[in-house]
mmCIF file of all heavy atoms, coordinates in Angstrom:
data_MODEL
# 
_entry.id   MODEL 
# 
loop_
_atom_site.group_PDB 
_atom_site.id 
_atom_site.type_symbol 
_atom_site.label_atom_id 
_atom_site.label_alt_id 
_atom_site.label_comp_id 
_atom_site.label_asym_id 
_atom_site.label_entity_id 
_atom_site.label_seq_id 
_atom_site.pdbx_PDB_ins_code 
_atom_site.Cartn_x 
_atom_site.Cartn_y 
_atom_site.Cartn_z 
_atom_site.occupancy 
_atom_site.B_iso_or_equiv 
_atom_site.pdbx_formal_charge 
_atom_site.auth_seq_id 
_atom_site.auth_comp_id 
_atom_site.auth_asym_id 
_atom_site.auth_atom_id 
_atom_site.pdbx_PDB_model_num 
ATOM 1   N N   . ARG A 1 1  ? 190.196 20.620  134.644 1.00 0.00 ? 1  ARG A N   1 
ATOM 2   C CA  . ARG A 1 1  ? 189.991 21.698  133.622 1.00 0.00 ? 1  ARG A CA  1 
ATOM 3   C C   . ARG A 1 1  ? 191.092 22.683  133.737 1.00 0.00 ? 1  ARG A C   1 
ATOM 4   O O   . ARG A 1 1  ? 191.374 23.214  134.836 1.00 0.00 ? 1  ARG A O   1 
ATOM 5   C CB  . ARG A 1 1  ? 188.650 22.441  133.798 1.00 0.00 ? 1  ARG A CB  1 
ATOM 6   C CG  . ARG A 1 1  ? 188.461 23.442  132.724 1.00 0.00 ? 1  ARG A CG  1 
ATOM 7   C CD  . ARG A 1 1  ? 187.057 24.115  132.887 1.00 0.00 ? 1  ARG A CD  1 
ATOM 8   N NE  . ARG A 1 1  ? 186.874 25.146  131.963 1.00 0.00 ? 1  ARG A NE  1 
ATOM 9   C CZ  . ARG A 1 1  ? 187.232 26.429  132.207 1.00 0.00 ? 1  ARG A CZ  1 
ATOM 10  N NH1 . ARG A 1 1  ? 187.741 26.796  133.379 1.00 0.00 ? 1  ARG A NH1 1 
ATOM 11  N NH2 . ARG A 1 1  ? 187.074 27.389  131.285 1.00 0.00 ? 1  ARG A NH2 1 
ATOM 12  N N   . LYS A 1 2  ? 191.928 22.877  132.676 1.00 0.00 ? 2  LYS A N   1 
ATOM 13  C CA  . LYS A 1 2  ? 193.144 23.759  132.665 1.00 0.00 ? 2  LYS A CA  1 
ATOM 14  C C   . LYS A 1 2  ? 194.084 23.387  133.801 1.00 0.00 ? 2  LYS A C   1 
ATOM 15  O O   . LYS A 1 2  ? 194.552 24.306  134.362 1.00 0.00 ? 2  LYS A O   1 
ATOM 16  C CB  . LYS A 1 2  ? 192.677 25.230  132.682 1.00 0.00 ? 2  LYS A CB  1 
ATOM 17  C CG  . LYS A 1 2  ? 191.755 25.558  131.495 1.00 0.00 ? 2  LYS A CG  1 
ATOM 18  C CD  . LYS A 1 2  ? 191.455 27.121  131.495 1.00 0.00 ? 2  LYS A CD  1 
ATOM 19  C CE  . LYS A 1 2  ? 192.552 27.835  130.917 1.00 0.00 ? 2  LYS A CE  1 
ATOM 20  N NZ  . LYS A 1 2  ? 192.246 29.319  130.655 1.00 0.00 ? 2  LYS A NZ  1 
ATOM 21  N N   . GLY A 1 3  ? 194.235 22.133  133.947 1.00 0.00 ? 3  GLY A N   1 
ATOM 22  C CA  . GLY A 1 3  ? 195.280 21.688  134.879 1.00 0.00 ? 3  GLY A CA  1 
ATOM 23  C C   . GLY A 1 3  ? 194.779 21.579  136.356 1.00 0.00 ? 3  GLY A C   1 
ATOM 24  O O   . GLY A 1 3  ? 195.451 20.979  137.117 1.00 0.00 ? 3  GLY A O   1 
ATOM 25  N N   . ALA A 1 4  ? 193.604 22.086  136.669 1.00 0.00 ? 4  ALA A N   1 
ATOM 26  C CA  . ALA A 1 4  ? 193.198 22.132  137.940 1.00 0.00 ? 4  ALA A CA  1 
ATOM 27  C C   . ALA A 1 4  ? 191.930 21.214  138.121 1.00 0.00 ? 4  ALA A C   1 
ATOM 28  O O   . ALA A 1 4  ? 191.198 21.014  137.247 1.00 0.00 ? 4  ALA A O   1 
ATOM 29  C CB  . ALA A 1 4  ? 192.730 23.538  138.456 1.00 0.00 ? 4  ALA A CB  1 
ATOM 30  N N   . VAL A 1 5  ? 191.800 20.673  139.356 1.00 0.00 ? 5  VAL A N   1 
ATOM 31  C CA  . VAL A 1 5  ? 190.674 19.724  139.555 1.00 0.00 ? 5  VAL A CA  1 
ATOM 32  C C   . VAL A 1 5  ? 189.441 20.539  139.523 1.00 0.00 ? 5  VAL A C   1 
ATOM 33  O O   . VAL A 1 5  ? 189.193 21.415  140.294 1.00 0.00 ? 5  VAL A O   1 
ATOM 34  C CB  . VAL A 1 5  ? 190.819 18.955  140.830 1.00 0.00 ? 5  VAL A CB  1 
ATOM 35  C CG1 . VAL A 1 5  ? 189.621 18.102  141.185 1.00 0.00 ? 5  VAL A CG1 1 
ATOM 36  C CG2 . VAL A 1 5  ? 192.120 18.062  140.925 1.00 0.00 ? 5  VAL A CG2 1 
ATOM 37  N N   . ASP A 1 6  ? 188.482 20.210  138.669 1.00 0.00 ? 6  ASP A N   1 
ATOM 38  C CA  . ASP A 1 6  ? 187.234 20.932  138.570 1.00 0.00 ? 6  ASP A CA  1 
ATOM 39  C C   . ASP A 1 6  ? 186.143 20.163  139.387 1.00 0.00 ? 6  ASP A C   1 
ATOM 40  O O   . ASP A 1 6  ? 185.355 20.784  140.130 1.00 0.00 ? 6  ASP A O   1 
ATOM 41  C CB  . ASP A 1 6  ? 186.750 20.914  137.180 1.00 0.00 ? 6  ASP A CB  1 
ATOM 42  C CG  . ASP A 1 6  ? 185.647 21.854  136.871 1.00 0.00 ? 6  ASP A CG  1 
ATOM 43  O OD1 . ASP A 1 6  ? 185.741 23.061  137.354 1.00 0.00 ? 6  ASP A OD1 1 
ATOM 44  O OD2 . ASP A 1 6  ? 184.590 21.459  136.279 1.00 0.00 ? 6  ASP A OD2 1 
ATOM 45  N N   . THR A 1 7  ? 186.009 18.852  139.241 1.00 0.00 ? 7  THR A N   1 
ATOM 46  C CA  . THR A 1 7  ? 185.148 18.031  140.154 1.00 0.00 ? 7  THR A CA  1 
ATOM 47  C C   . THR A 1 7  ? 185.805 16.777  140.519 1.00 0.00 ? 7  THR A C   1 
ATOM 48  O O   . THR A 1 7  ? 186.654 16.272  139.703 1.00 0.00 ? 7  THR A O   1 
ATOM 49  C CB  . THR A 1 7  ? 183.862 17.723  139.334 1.00 0.00 ? 7  THR A CB  1 
ATOM 50  O OG1 . THR A 1 7  ? 184.153 16.932  138.145 1.00 0.00 ? 7  THR A OG1 1 
ATOM 51  C CG2 . THR A 1 7  ? 183.052 18.939  138.857 1.00 0.00 ? 7  THR A CG2 1 
ATOM 52  N N   . LEU A 1 8  ? 185.514 16.320  141.646 1.00 0.00 ? 8  LEU A N   1 
ATOM 53  C CA  . LEU A 1 8  ? 186.001 14.983  142.144 1.00 0.00 ? 8  LEU A CA  1 
ATOM 54  C C   . LEU A 1 8  ? 184.816 14.395  142.895 1.00 0.00 ? 8  LEU A C   1 
ATOM 55  O O   . LEU A 1 8  ? 184.290 14.918  143.826 1.00 0.00 ? 8  LEU A O   1 
ATOM 56  C CB  . LEU A 1 8  ? 187.145 15.281  143.099 1.00 0.00 ? 8  LEU A CB  1 
ATOM 57  C CG  . LEU A 1 8  ? 187.678 14.078  143.931 1.00 0.00 ? 8  LEU A CG  1 
ATOM 58  C CD1 . LEU A 1 8  ? 188.069 12.932  142.995 1.00 0.00 ? 8  LEU A CD1 1 
ATOM 59  C CD2 . LEU A 1 8  ? 188.768 14.427  144.870 1.00 0.00 ? 8  LEU A CD2 1 
ATOM 60  N N   . GLU A 1 9  ? 184.506 13.169  142.422 1.00 0.00 ? 9  GLU A N   1 
ATOM 61  C CA  . GLU A 1 9  ? 183.320 12.440  143.026 1.00 0.00 ? 9  GLU A CA  1 
ATOM 62  C C   . GLU A 1 9  ? 183.662 11.064  143.284 1.00 0.00 ? 9  GLU A C   1 
ATOM 63  O O   . GLU A 1 9  ? 184.106 10.291  142.460 1.00 0.00 ? 9  GLU A O   1 
ATOM 64  C CB  . GLU A 1 9  ? 182.116 12.530  142.144 1.00 0.00 ? 9  GLU A CB  1 
ATOM 65  C CG  . GLU A 1 9  ? 180.916 11.823  142.707 1.00 0.00 ? 9  GLU A CG  1 
ATOM 66  C CD  . GLU A 1 9  ? 179.724 11.744  141.693 1.00 0.00 ? 9  GLU A CD  1 
ATOM 67  O OE1 . GLU A 1 9  ? 179.787 12.683  140.714 1.00 0.00 ? 9  GLU A OE1 1 
ATOM 68  O OE2 . GLU A 1 9  ? 178.716 11.082  141.930 1.00 0.00 ? 9  GLU A OE2 1 
ATOM 69  N N   . HIS A 1 10 ? 183.535 10.641  144.578 1.00 0.00 ? 10 HIS A N   1 
ATOM 70  C CA  . HIS A 1 10 ? 183.563 9.247   144.959 1.00 0.00 ? 10 HIS A CA  1 
ATOM 71  C C   . HIS A 1 10 ? 182.128 8.801   145.222 1.00 0.00 ? 10 HIS A C   1 
ATOM 72  O O   . HIS A 1 10 ? 181.438 9.442   145.972 1.00 0.00 ? 10 HIS A O   1 
ATOM 73  C CB  . HIS A 1 10 ? 184.356 9.046   146.213 1.00 0.00 ? 10 HIS A CB  1 
ATOM 74  C CG  . HIS A 1 10 ? 185.849 9.104   146.043 1.00 0.00 ? 10 HIS A CG  1 
ATOM 75  N ND1 . HIS A 1 10 ? 186.627 8.091   145.671 1.00 0.00 ? 10 HIS A ND1 1 
ATOM 76  C CD2 . HIS A 1 10 ? 186.648 10.228  146.036 1.00 0.00 ? 10 HIS A CD2 1 
ATOM 77  C CE1 . HIS A 1 10 ? 187.843 8.515   145.555 1.00 0.00 ? 10 HIS A CE1 1 
ATOM 78  N NE2 . HIS A 1 10 ? 187.982 9.800   145.787 1.00 0.00 ? 10 HIS A NE2 1 
ATOM 79  N N   . ASN A 1 11 ? 181.709 7.753   144.599 1.00 0.00 ? 11 ASN A N   1 
ATOM 80  C CA  . ASN A 1 11 ? 180.336 7.284   144.841 1.00 0.00 ? 11 ASN A CA  1 
ATOM 81  C C   . ASN A 1 11 ? 180.297 5.905   145.352 1.00 0.00 ? 11 ASN A C   1 
ATOM 82  O O   . ASN A 1 11 ? 181.108 4.990   145.001 1.00 0.00 ? 11 ASN A O   1 
ATOM 83  C CB  . ASN A 1 11 ? 179.517 7.329   143.473 1.00 0.00 ? 11 ASN A CB  1 
ATOM 84  C CG  . ASN A 1 11 ? 180.140 6.505   142.438 1.00 0.00 ? 11 ASN A CG  1 
ATOM 85  O OD1 . ASN A 1 11 ? 181.169 6.780   141.793 1.00 0.00 ? 11 ASN A OD1 1 
ATOM 86  N ND2 . ASN A 1 11 ? 179.458 5.268   142.129 1.00 0.00 ? 11 ASN A ND2 1 
ATOM 87  N N   . ARG A 1 12 ? 179.377 5.666   146.260 1.00 0.00 ? 12 ARG A N   1 
ATOM 88  C CA  . ARG A 1 12 ? 179.052 4.297   146.726 1.00 0.00 ? 12 ARG A CA  1 
ATOM 89  C C   . ARG A 1 12 ? 177.590 4.301   146.878 1.00 0.00 ? 12 ARG A C   1 
ATOM 90  O O   . ARG A 1 12 ? 177.019 4.911   147.777 1.00 0.00 ? 12 ARG A O   1 
ATOM 91  C CB  . ARG A 1 12 ? 179.842 4.038   148.097 1.00 0.00 ? 12 ARG A CB  1 
ATOM 92  C CG  . ARG A 1 12 ? 179.581 2.582   148.516 1.00 0.00 ? 12 ARG A CG  1 
ATOM 93  C CD  . ARG A 1 12 ? 180.546 2.165   149.679 1.00 0.00 ? 12 ARG A CD  1 
ATOM 94  N NE  . ARG A 1 12 ? 181.940 2.054   149.276 1.00 0.00 ? 12 ARG A NE  1 
ATOM 95  C CZ  . ARG A 1 12 ? 182.443 0.811   148.661 1.00 0.00 ? 12 ARG A CZ  1 
ATOM 96  N NH1 . ARG A 1 12 ? 181.665 -0.209  148.488 1.00 0.00 ? 12 ARG A NH1 1 
ATOM 97  N NH2 . ARG A 1 12 ? 183.661 0.836   148.337 1.00 0.00 ? 12 ARG A NH2 1 
ATOM 98  N N   . ASP A 1 13 ? 176.875 3.515   146.054 1.00 0.00 ? 13 ASP A N   1 
ATOM 99  C CA  . ASP A 1 13 ? 175.453 3.447   146.014 1.00 0.00 ? 13 ASP A CA  1 
ATOM 100 C C   . ASP A 1 13 ? 174.906 2.081   146.234 1.00 0.00 ? 13 ASP A C   1 
ATOM 101 O O   . ASP A 1 13 ? 175.631 1.060   145.995 1.00 0.00 ? 13 ASP A O   1 
ATOM 102 C CB  . ASP A 1 13 ? 174.989 4.021   144.749 1.00 0.00 ? 13 ASP A CB  1 
ATOM 103 C CG  . ASP A 1 13 ? 175.632 5.337   144.279 1.00 0.00 ? 13 ASP A CG  1 
ATOM 104 O OD1 . ASP A 1 13 ? 175.471 6.303   144.970 1.00 0.00 ? 13 ASP A OD1 1 
ATOM 105 O OD2 . ASP A 1 13 ? 176.370 5.301   143.225 1.00 0.00 ? 13 ASP A OD2 1 
ATOM 106 N N   . LYS A 1 14 ? 173.593 2.011   146.605 1.00 0.00 ? 14 LYS A N   1 
ATOM 107 C CA  . LYS A 1 14 ? 172.971 0.759   146.708 1.00 0.00 ? 14 LYS A CA  1 
ATOM 108 C C   . LYS A 1 14 ? 171.497 0.969   146.589 1.00 0.00 ? 14 LYS A C   1 
ATOM 109 O O   . LYS A 1 14 ? 170.974 2.001   146.826 1.00 0.00 ? 14 LYS A O   1 
ATOM 110 C CB  . LYS A 1 14 ? 173.218 -0.004  148.085 1.00 0.00 ? 14 LYS A CB  1 
ATOM 111 C CG  . LYS A 1 14 ? 172.852 0.863   149.331 1.00 0.00 ? 14 LYS A CG  1 
ATOM 112 C CD  . LYS A 1 14 ? 173.144 0.049   150.620 1.00 0.00 ? 14 LYS A CD  1 
ATOM 113 C CE  . LYS A 1 14 ? 172.733 0.863   151.777 1.00 0.00 ? 14 LYS A CE  1 
ATOM 114 N NZ  . LYS A 1 14 ? 172.962 0.089   153.072 1.00 0.00 ? 14 LYS A NZ  1 
ATOM 115 N N   . ALA A 1 15 ? 170.826 0.012   146.144 1.00 0.00 ? 15 ALA A N   1 
ATOM 116 C CA  . ALA A 1 15 ? 169.302 0.086   145.986 1.00 0.00 ? 15 ALA A CA  1 
ATOM 117 C C   . ALA A 1 15 ? 168.756 -1.331  145.980 1.00 0.00 ? 15 ALA A C   1 
ATOM 118 O O   . ALA A 1 15 ? 169.265 -2.264  145.518 1.00 0.00 ? 15 ALA A O   1 
ATOM 119 C CB  . ALA A 1 15 ? 169.061 0.817   144.704 1.00 0.00 ? 15 ALA A CB  1 
ATOM 120 N N   . LEU A 1 16 ? 167.509 -1.278  146.487 1.00 0.00 ? 16 LEU A N   1 
ATOM 121 C CA  . LEU A 1 16 ? 166.645 -2.526  146.338 1.00 0.00 ? 16 LEU A CA  1 
ATOM 122 C C   . LEU A 1 16 ? 165.223 -2.117  145.807 1.00 0.00 ? 16 LEU A C   1 
ATOM 123 O O   . LEU A 1 16 ? 164.667 -1.182  146.325 1.00 0.00 ? 16 LEU A O   1 
ATOM 124 C CB  . LEU A 1 16 ? 166.450 -3.207  147.782 1.00 0.00 ? 16 LEU A CB  1 
ATOM 125 C CG  . LEU A 1 16 ? 165.663 -4.445  147.863 1.00 0.00 ? 16 LEU A CG  1 
ATOM 126 C CD1 . LEU A 1 16 ? 166.177 -5.378  148.984 1.00 0.00 ? 16 LEU A CD1 1 
ATOM 127 C CD2 . LEU A 1 16 ? 164.131 -4.158  148.075 1.00 0.00 ? 16 LEU A CD2 1 
ATOM 128 N N   . GLY A 1 17 ? 164.819 -2.751  144.751 1.00 0.00 ? 17 GLY A N   1 
ATOM 129 C CA  . GLY A 1 17 ? 163.535 -2.479  144.136 1.00 0.00 ? 17 GLY A CA  1 
ATOM 130 C C   . GLY A 1 17 ? 162.740 -3.705  144.137 1.00 0.00 ? 17 GLY A C   1 
ATOM 131 O O   . GLY A 1 17 ? 163.244 -4.792  143.807 1.00 0.00 ? 17 GLY A O   1 
ATOM 132 N N   . VAL A 1 18 ? 161.494 -3.682  144.459 1.00 0.00 ? 18 VAL A N   1 
ATOM 133 C CA  . VAL A 1 18 ? 160.588 -4.794  144.458 1.00 0.00 ? 18 VAL A CA  1 
ATOM 134 C C   . VAL A 1 18 ? 159.232 -4.435  143.780 1.00 0.00 ? 18 VAL A C   1 
ATOM 135 O O   . VAL A 1 18 ? 158.678 -3.376  143.906 1.00 0.00 ? 18 VAL A O   1 
ATOM 136 C CB  . VAL A 1 18 ? 160.337 -5.261  145.898 1.00 0.00 ? 18 VAL A CB  1 
ATOM 137 C CG1 . VAL A 1 18 ? 159.673 -4.210  146.685 1.00 0.00 ? 18 VAL A CG1 1 
ATOM 138 C CG2 . VAL A 1 18 ? 159.442 -6.574  145.926 1.00 0.00 ? 18 VAL A CG2 1 
ATOM 139 N N   . SER A 1 19 ? 158.796 -5.471  142.906 1.00 0.00 ? 19 SER A N   1 
ATOM 140 C CA  . SER A 1 19 ? 157.498 -5.239  142.174 1.00 0.00 ? 19 SER A CA  1 
ATOM 141 C C   . SER A 1 19 ? 156.631 -6.490  142.604 1.00 0.00 ? 19 SER A C   1 
ATOM 142 O O   . SER A 1 19 ? 157.094 -7.659  142.588 1.00 0.00 ? 19 SER A O   1 
ATOM 143 C CB  . SER A 1 19 ? 157.652 -5.261  140.691 1.00 0.00 ? 19 SER A CB  1 
ATOM 144 O OG  . SER A 1 19 ? 158.358 -4.081  140.191 1.00 0.00 ? 19 SER A OG  1 
ATOM 145 N N   . VAL A 1 20 ? 155.485 -6.255  143.049 1.00 0.00 ? 20 VAL A N   1 
ATOM 146 C CA  . VAL A 1 20 ? 154.561 -7.297  143.380 1.00 0.00 ? 20 VAL A CA  1 
ATOM 147 C C   . VAL A 1 20 ? 153.280 -7.269  142.458 1.00 0.00 ? 20 VAL A C   1 
ATOM 148 O O   . VAL A 1 20 ? 152.908 -6.140  141.962 1.00 0.00 ? 20 VAL A O   1 
ATOM 149 C CB  . VAL A 1 20 ? 154.095 -7.186  144.878 1.00 0.00 ? 20 VAL A CB  1 
ATOM 150 C CG1 . VAL A 1 20 ? 155.268 -7.185  145.827 1.00 0.00 ? 20 VAL A CG1 1 
ATOM 151 C CG2 . VAL A 1 20 ? 153.327 -5.871  145.122 1.00 0.00 ? 20 VAL A CG2 1 
ATOM 152 N N   . TYR A 1 21 ? 152.715 -8.473  142.341 1.00 0.00 ? 21 TYR A N   1 
ATOM 153 C CA  . TYR A 1 21 ? 151.522 -8.602  141.411 1.00 0.00 ? 21 TYR A CA  1 
ATOM 154 C C   . TYR A 1 21 ? 150.415 -9.284  142.252 1.00 0.00 ? 21 TYR A C   1 
ATOM 155 O O   . TYR A 1 21 ? 150.687 -10.211 142.931 1.00 0.00 ? 21 TYR A O   1 
ATOM 156 C CB  . TYR A 1 21 ? 151.965 -9.424  140.257 1.00 0.00 ? 21 TYR A CB  1 
ATOM 157 C CG  . TYR A 1 21 ? 153.053 -8.803  139.396 1.00 0.00 ? 21 TYR A CG  1 
ATOM 158 C CD1 . TYR A 1 21 ? 154.302 -9.168  139.597 1.00 0.00 ? 21 TYR A CD1 1 
ATOM 159 C CD2 . TYR A 1 21 ? 152.801 -7.986  138.364 1.00 0.00 ? 21 TYR A CD2 1 
ATOM 160 C CE1 . TYR A 1 21 ? 155.316 -8.586  138.893 1.00 0.00 ? 21 TYR A CE1 1 
ATOM 161 C CE2 . TYR A 1 21 ? 153.716 -7.433  137.662 1.00 0.00 ? 21 TYR A CE2 1 
ATOM 162 C CZ  . TYR A 1 21 ? 155.048 -7.628  137.853 1.00 0.00 ? 21 TYR A CZ  1 
ATOM 163 O OH  . TYR A 1 21 ? 156.024 -7.130  137.154 1.00 0.00 ? 21 TYR A OH  1 
ATOM 164 N N   . LEU A 1 22 ? 149.299 -8.695  142.248 1.00 0.00 ? 22 LEU A N   1 
ATOM 165 C CA  . LEU A 1 22 ? 148.119 -9.285  142.872 1.00 0.00 ? 22 LEU A CA  1 
ATOM 166 C C   . LEU A 1 22 ? 147.106 -9.801  141.785 1.00 0.00 ? 22 LEU A C   1 
ATOM 167 O O   . LEU A 1 22 ? 146.732 -9.005  140.898 1.00 0.00 ? 22 LEU A O   1 
ATOM 168 C CB  . LEU A 1 22 ? 147.425 -8.244  143.670 1.00 0.00 ? 22 LEU A CB  1 
ATOM 169 C CG  . LEU A 1 22 ? 148.312 -7.576  144.818 1.00 0.00 ? 22 LEU A CG  1 
ATOM 170 C CD1 . LEU A 1 22 ? 147.440 -6.611  145.580 1.00 0.00 ? 22 LEU A CD1 1 
ATOM 171 C CD2 . LEU A 1 22 ? 148.839 -8.642  145.732 1.00 0.00 ? 22 LEU A CD2 1 
ATOM 172 N N   . GLY A 1 23 ? 146.703 -10.987 141.842 1.00 0.00 ? 23 GLY A N   1 
ATOM 173 C CA  . GLY A 1 23 ? 145.810 -11.612 140.915 1.00 0.00 ? 23 GLY A CA  1 
ATOM 174 C C   . GLY A 1 23 ? 146.479 -12.315 139.771 1.00 0.00 ? 23 GLY A C   1 
ATOM 175 O O   . GLY A 1 23 ? 147.732 -12.213 139.646 1.00 0.00 ? 23 GLY A O   1 
ATOM 176 N N   . GLU A 1 24 ? 145.672 -12.870 138.982 1.00 0.00 ? 24 GLU A N   1 
ATOM 177 C CA  . GLU A 1 24 ? 146.228 -13.615 137.763 1.00 0.00 ? 24 GLU A CA  1 
ATOM 178 C C   . GLU A 1 24 ? 145.658 -12.935 136.490 1.00 0.00 ? 24 GLU A C   1 
ATOM 179 O O   . GLU A 1 24 ? 144.617 -12.325 136.502 1.00 0.00 ? 24 GLU A O   1 
ATOM 180 C CB  . GLU A 1 24 ? 145.832 -15.127 137.821 1.00 0.00 ? 24 GLU A CB  1 
ATOM 181 C CG  . GLU A 1 24 ? 146.167 -15.864 139.015 1.00 0.00 ? 24 GLU A CG  1 
ATOM 182 C CD  . GLU A 1 24 ? 147.713 -16.017 139.164 1.00 0.00 ? 24 GLU A CD  1 
ATOM 183 O OE1 . GLU A 1 24 ? 148.370 -16.042 138.209 1.00 0.00 ? 24 GLU A OE1 1 
ATOM 184 O OE2 . GLU A 1 24 ? 148.199 -16.170 140.338 1.00 0.00 ? 24 GLU A OE2 1 
ATOM 185 N N   . ARG A 1 25 ? 146.432 -12.994 135.458 1.00 0.00 ? 25 ARG A N   1 
ATOM 186 C CA  . ARG A 1 25 ? 146.071 -12.491 134.203 1.00 0.00 ? 25 ARG A CA  1 
ATOM 187 C C   . ARG A 1 25 ? 144.751 -13.086 133.732 1.00 0.00 ? 25 ARG A C   1 
ATOM 188 O O   . ARG A 1 25 ? 144.470 -14.321 133.843 1.00 0.00 ? 25 ARG A O   1 
ATOM 189 C CB  . ARG A 1 25 ? 147.080 -12.689 133.108 1.00 0.00 ? 25 ARG A CB  1 
ATOM 190 C CG  . ARG A 1 25 ? 148.229 -11.708 133.203 1.00 0.00 ? 25 ARG A CG  1 
ATOM 191 C CD  . ARG A 1 25 ? 149.024 -11.527 131.912 1.00 0.00 ? 25 ARG A CD  1 
ATOM 192 N NE  . ARG A 1 25 ? 149.489 -12.836 131.370 1.00 0.00 ? 25 ARG A NE  1 
ATOM 193 C CZ  . ARG A 1 25 ? 150.658 -13.442 131.765 1.00 0.00 ? 25 ARG A CZ  1 
ATOM 194 N NH1 . ARG A 1 25 ? 151.474 -12.751 132.642 1.00 0.00 ? 25 ARG A NH1 1 
ATOM 195 N NH2 . ARG A 1 25 ? 150.916 -14.544 131.207 1.00 0.00 ? 25 ARG A NH2 1 
ATOM 196 N N   . PRO A 1 26 ? 143.744 -12.269 133.253 1.00 0.00 ? 26 PRO A N   1 
ATOM 197 C CA  . PRO A 1 26 ? 143.893 -10.889 132.839 1.00 0.00 ? 26 PRO A CA  1 
ATOM 198 C C   . PRO A 1 26 ? 143.682 -9.821  133.968 1.00 0.00 ? 26 PRO A C   1 
ATOM 199 O O   . PRO A 1 26 ? 143.428 -8.683  133.680 1.00 0.00 ? 26 PRO A O   1 
ATOM 200 C CB  . PRO A 1 26 ? 142.874 -10.782 131.746 1.00 0.00 ? 26 PRO A CB  1 
ATOM 201 C CG  . PRO A 1 26 ? 141.825 -11.658 132.147 1.00 0.00 ? 26 PRO A CG  1 
ATOM 202 C CD  . PRO A 1 26 ? 142.472 -12.779 132.854 1.00 0.00 ? 26 PRO A CD  1 
ATOM 203 N N   . HIS A 1 27 ? 143.517 -10.272 135.208 1.00 0.00 ? 27 HIS A N   1 
ATOM 204 C CA  . HIS A 1 27 ? 143.103 -9.405  136.289 1.00 0.00 ? 27 HIS A CA  1 
ATOM 205 C C   . HIS A 1 27 ? 144.307 -9.225  137.223 1.00 0.00 ? 27 HIS A C   1 
ATOM 206 O O   . HIS A 1 27 ? 144.304 -9.628  138.450 1.00 0.00 ? 27 HIS A O   1 
ATOM 207 C CB  . HIS A 1 27 ? 141.933 -9.989  137.066 1.00 0.00 ? 27 HIS A CB  1 
ATOM 208 C CG  . HIS A 1 27 ? 140.740 -10.305 136.151 1.00 0.00 ? 27 HIS A CG  1 
ATOM 209 N ND1 . HIS A 1 27 ? 139.951 -9.361  135.515 1.00 0.00 ? 27 HIS A ND1 1 
ATOM 210 C CD2 . HIS A 1 27 ? 140.206 -11.531 135.835 1.00 0.00 ? 27 HIS A CD2 1 
ATOM 211 C CE1 . HIS A 1 27 ? 139.060 -9.973  134.771 1.00 0.00 ? 27 HIS A CE1 1 
ATOM 212 N NE2 . HIS A 1 27 ? 139.198 -11.233 134.952 1.00 0.00 ? 27 HIS A NE2 1 
ATOM 213 N N   . VAL A 1 28 ? 145.326 -8.468  136.739 1.00 0.00 ? 28 VAL A N   1 
ATOM 214 C CA  . VAL A 1 28 ? 146.567 -8.340  137.496 1.00 0.00 ? 28 VAL A CA  1 
ATOM 215 C C   . VAL A 1 28 ? 146.715 -6.855  137.896 1.00 0.00 ? 28 VAL A C   1 
ATOM 216 O O   . VAL A 1 28 ? 146.491 -5.917  137.115 1.00 0.00 ? 28 VAL A O   1 
ATOM 217 C CB  . VAL A 1 28 ? 147.839 -8.745  136.739 1.00 0.00 ? 28 VAL A CB  1 
ATOM 218 C CG1 . VAL A 1 28 ? 149.048 -8.531  137.501 1.00 0.00 ? 28 VAL A CG1 1 
ATOM 219 C CG2 . VAL A 1 28 ? 147.651 -10.286 136.303 1.00 0.00 ? 28 VAL A CG2 1 
ATOM 220 N N   . ARG A 1 29 ? 147.082 -6.671  139.149 1.00 0.00 ? 29 ARG A N   1 
ATOM 221 C CA  . ARG A 1 29 ? 147.459 -5.354  139.637 1.00 0.00 ? 29 ARG A CA  1 
ATOM 222 C C   . ARG A 1 29 ? 148.904 -5.318  140.095 1.00 0.00 ? 29 ARG A C   1 
ATOM 223 O O   . ARG A 1 29 ? 149.386 -6.289  140.638 1.00 0.00 ? 29 ARG A O   1 
ATOM 224 C CB  . ARG A 1 29 ? 146.572 -4.933  140.868 1.00 0.00 ? 29 ARG A CB  1 
ATOM 225 C CG  . ARG A 1 29 ? 145.020 -4.807  140.590 1.00 0.00 ? 29 ARG A CG  1 
ATOM 226 C CD  . ARG A 1 29 ? 144.329 -4.679  141.912 1.00 0.00 ? 29 ARG A CD  1 
ATOM 227 N NE  . ARG A 1 29 ? 142.810 -4.826  141.693 1.00 0.00 ? 29 ARG A NE  1 
ATOM 228 C CZ  . ARG A 1 29 ? 142.051 -3.805  141.366 1.00 0.00 ? 29 ARG A CZ  1 
ATOM 229 N NH1 . ARG A 1 29 ? 142.538 -2.542  141.265 1.00 0.00 ? 29 ARG A NH1 1 
ATOM 230 N NH2 . ARG A 1 29 ? 140.799 -3.994  141.218 1.00 0.00 ? 29 ARG A NH2 1 
ATOM 231 N N   . ARG A 1 30 ? 149.592 -4.256  139.763 1.00 0.00 ? 30 ARG A N   1 
ATOM 232 C CA  . ARG A 1 30 ? 151.037 -4.207  139.989 1.00 0.00 ? 30 ARG A CA  1 
ATOM 233 C C   . ARG A 1 30 ? 151.394 -3.057  140.904 1.00 0.00 ? 30 ARG A C   1 
ATOM 234 O O   . ARG A 1 30 ? 150.881 -1.959  140.757 1.00 0.00 ? 30 ARG A O   1 
ATOM 235 C CB  . ARG A 1 30 ? 151.880 -4.094  138.696 1.00 0.00 ? 30 ARG A CB  1 
ATOM 236 C CG  . ARG A 1 30 ? 153.376 -3.970  138.863 1.00 0.00 ? 30 ARG A CG  1 
ATOM 237 C CD  . ARG A 1 30 ? 154.013 -3.666  137.513 1.00 0.00 ? 30 ARG A CD  1 
ATOM 238 N NE  . ARG A 1 30 ? 155.462 -3.601  137.573 1.00 0.00 ? 30 ARG A NE  1 
ATOM 239 C CZ  . ARG A 1 30 ? 156.115 -2.402  137.870 1.00 0.00 ? 30 ARG A CZ  1 
ATOM 240 N NH1 . ARG A 1 30 ? 155.346 -1.300  137.912 1.00 0.00 ? 30 ARG A NH1 1 
ATOM 241 N NH2 . ARG A 1 30 ? 157.364 -2.411  137.962 1.00 0.00 ? 30 ARG A NH2 1 
ATOM 242 N N   . GLY A 1 31 ? 152.273 -3.229  141.779 1.00 0.00 ? 31 GLY A N   1 
ATOM 243 C CA  . GLY A 1 31 ? 152.857 -2.128  142.654 1.00 0.00 ? 31 GLY A CA  1 
ATOM 244 C C   . GLY A 1 31 ? 154.382 -2.251  142.714 1.00 0.00 ? 31 GLY A C   1 
ATOM 245 O O   . GLY A 1 31 ? 154.945 -3.417  142.732 1.00 0.00 ? 31 GLY A O   1 
# 
């Protein structure tokens, strides 16, 4: 901004997401 560094961000991210299902349709529970 106006020739000067306003923000500088280096990012390194990671994630693991898991969904589980208990039972069979129509009786399914999800977590």
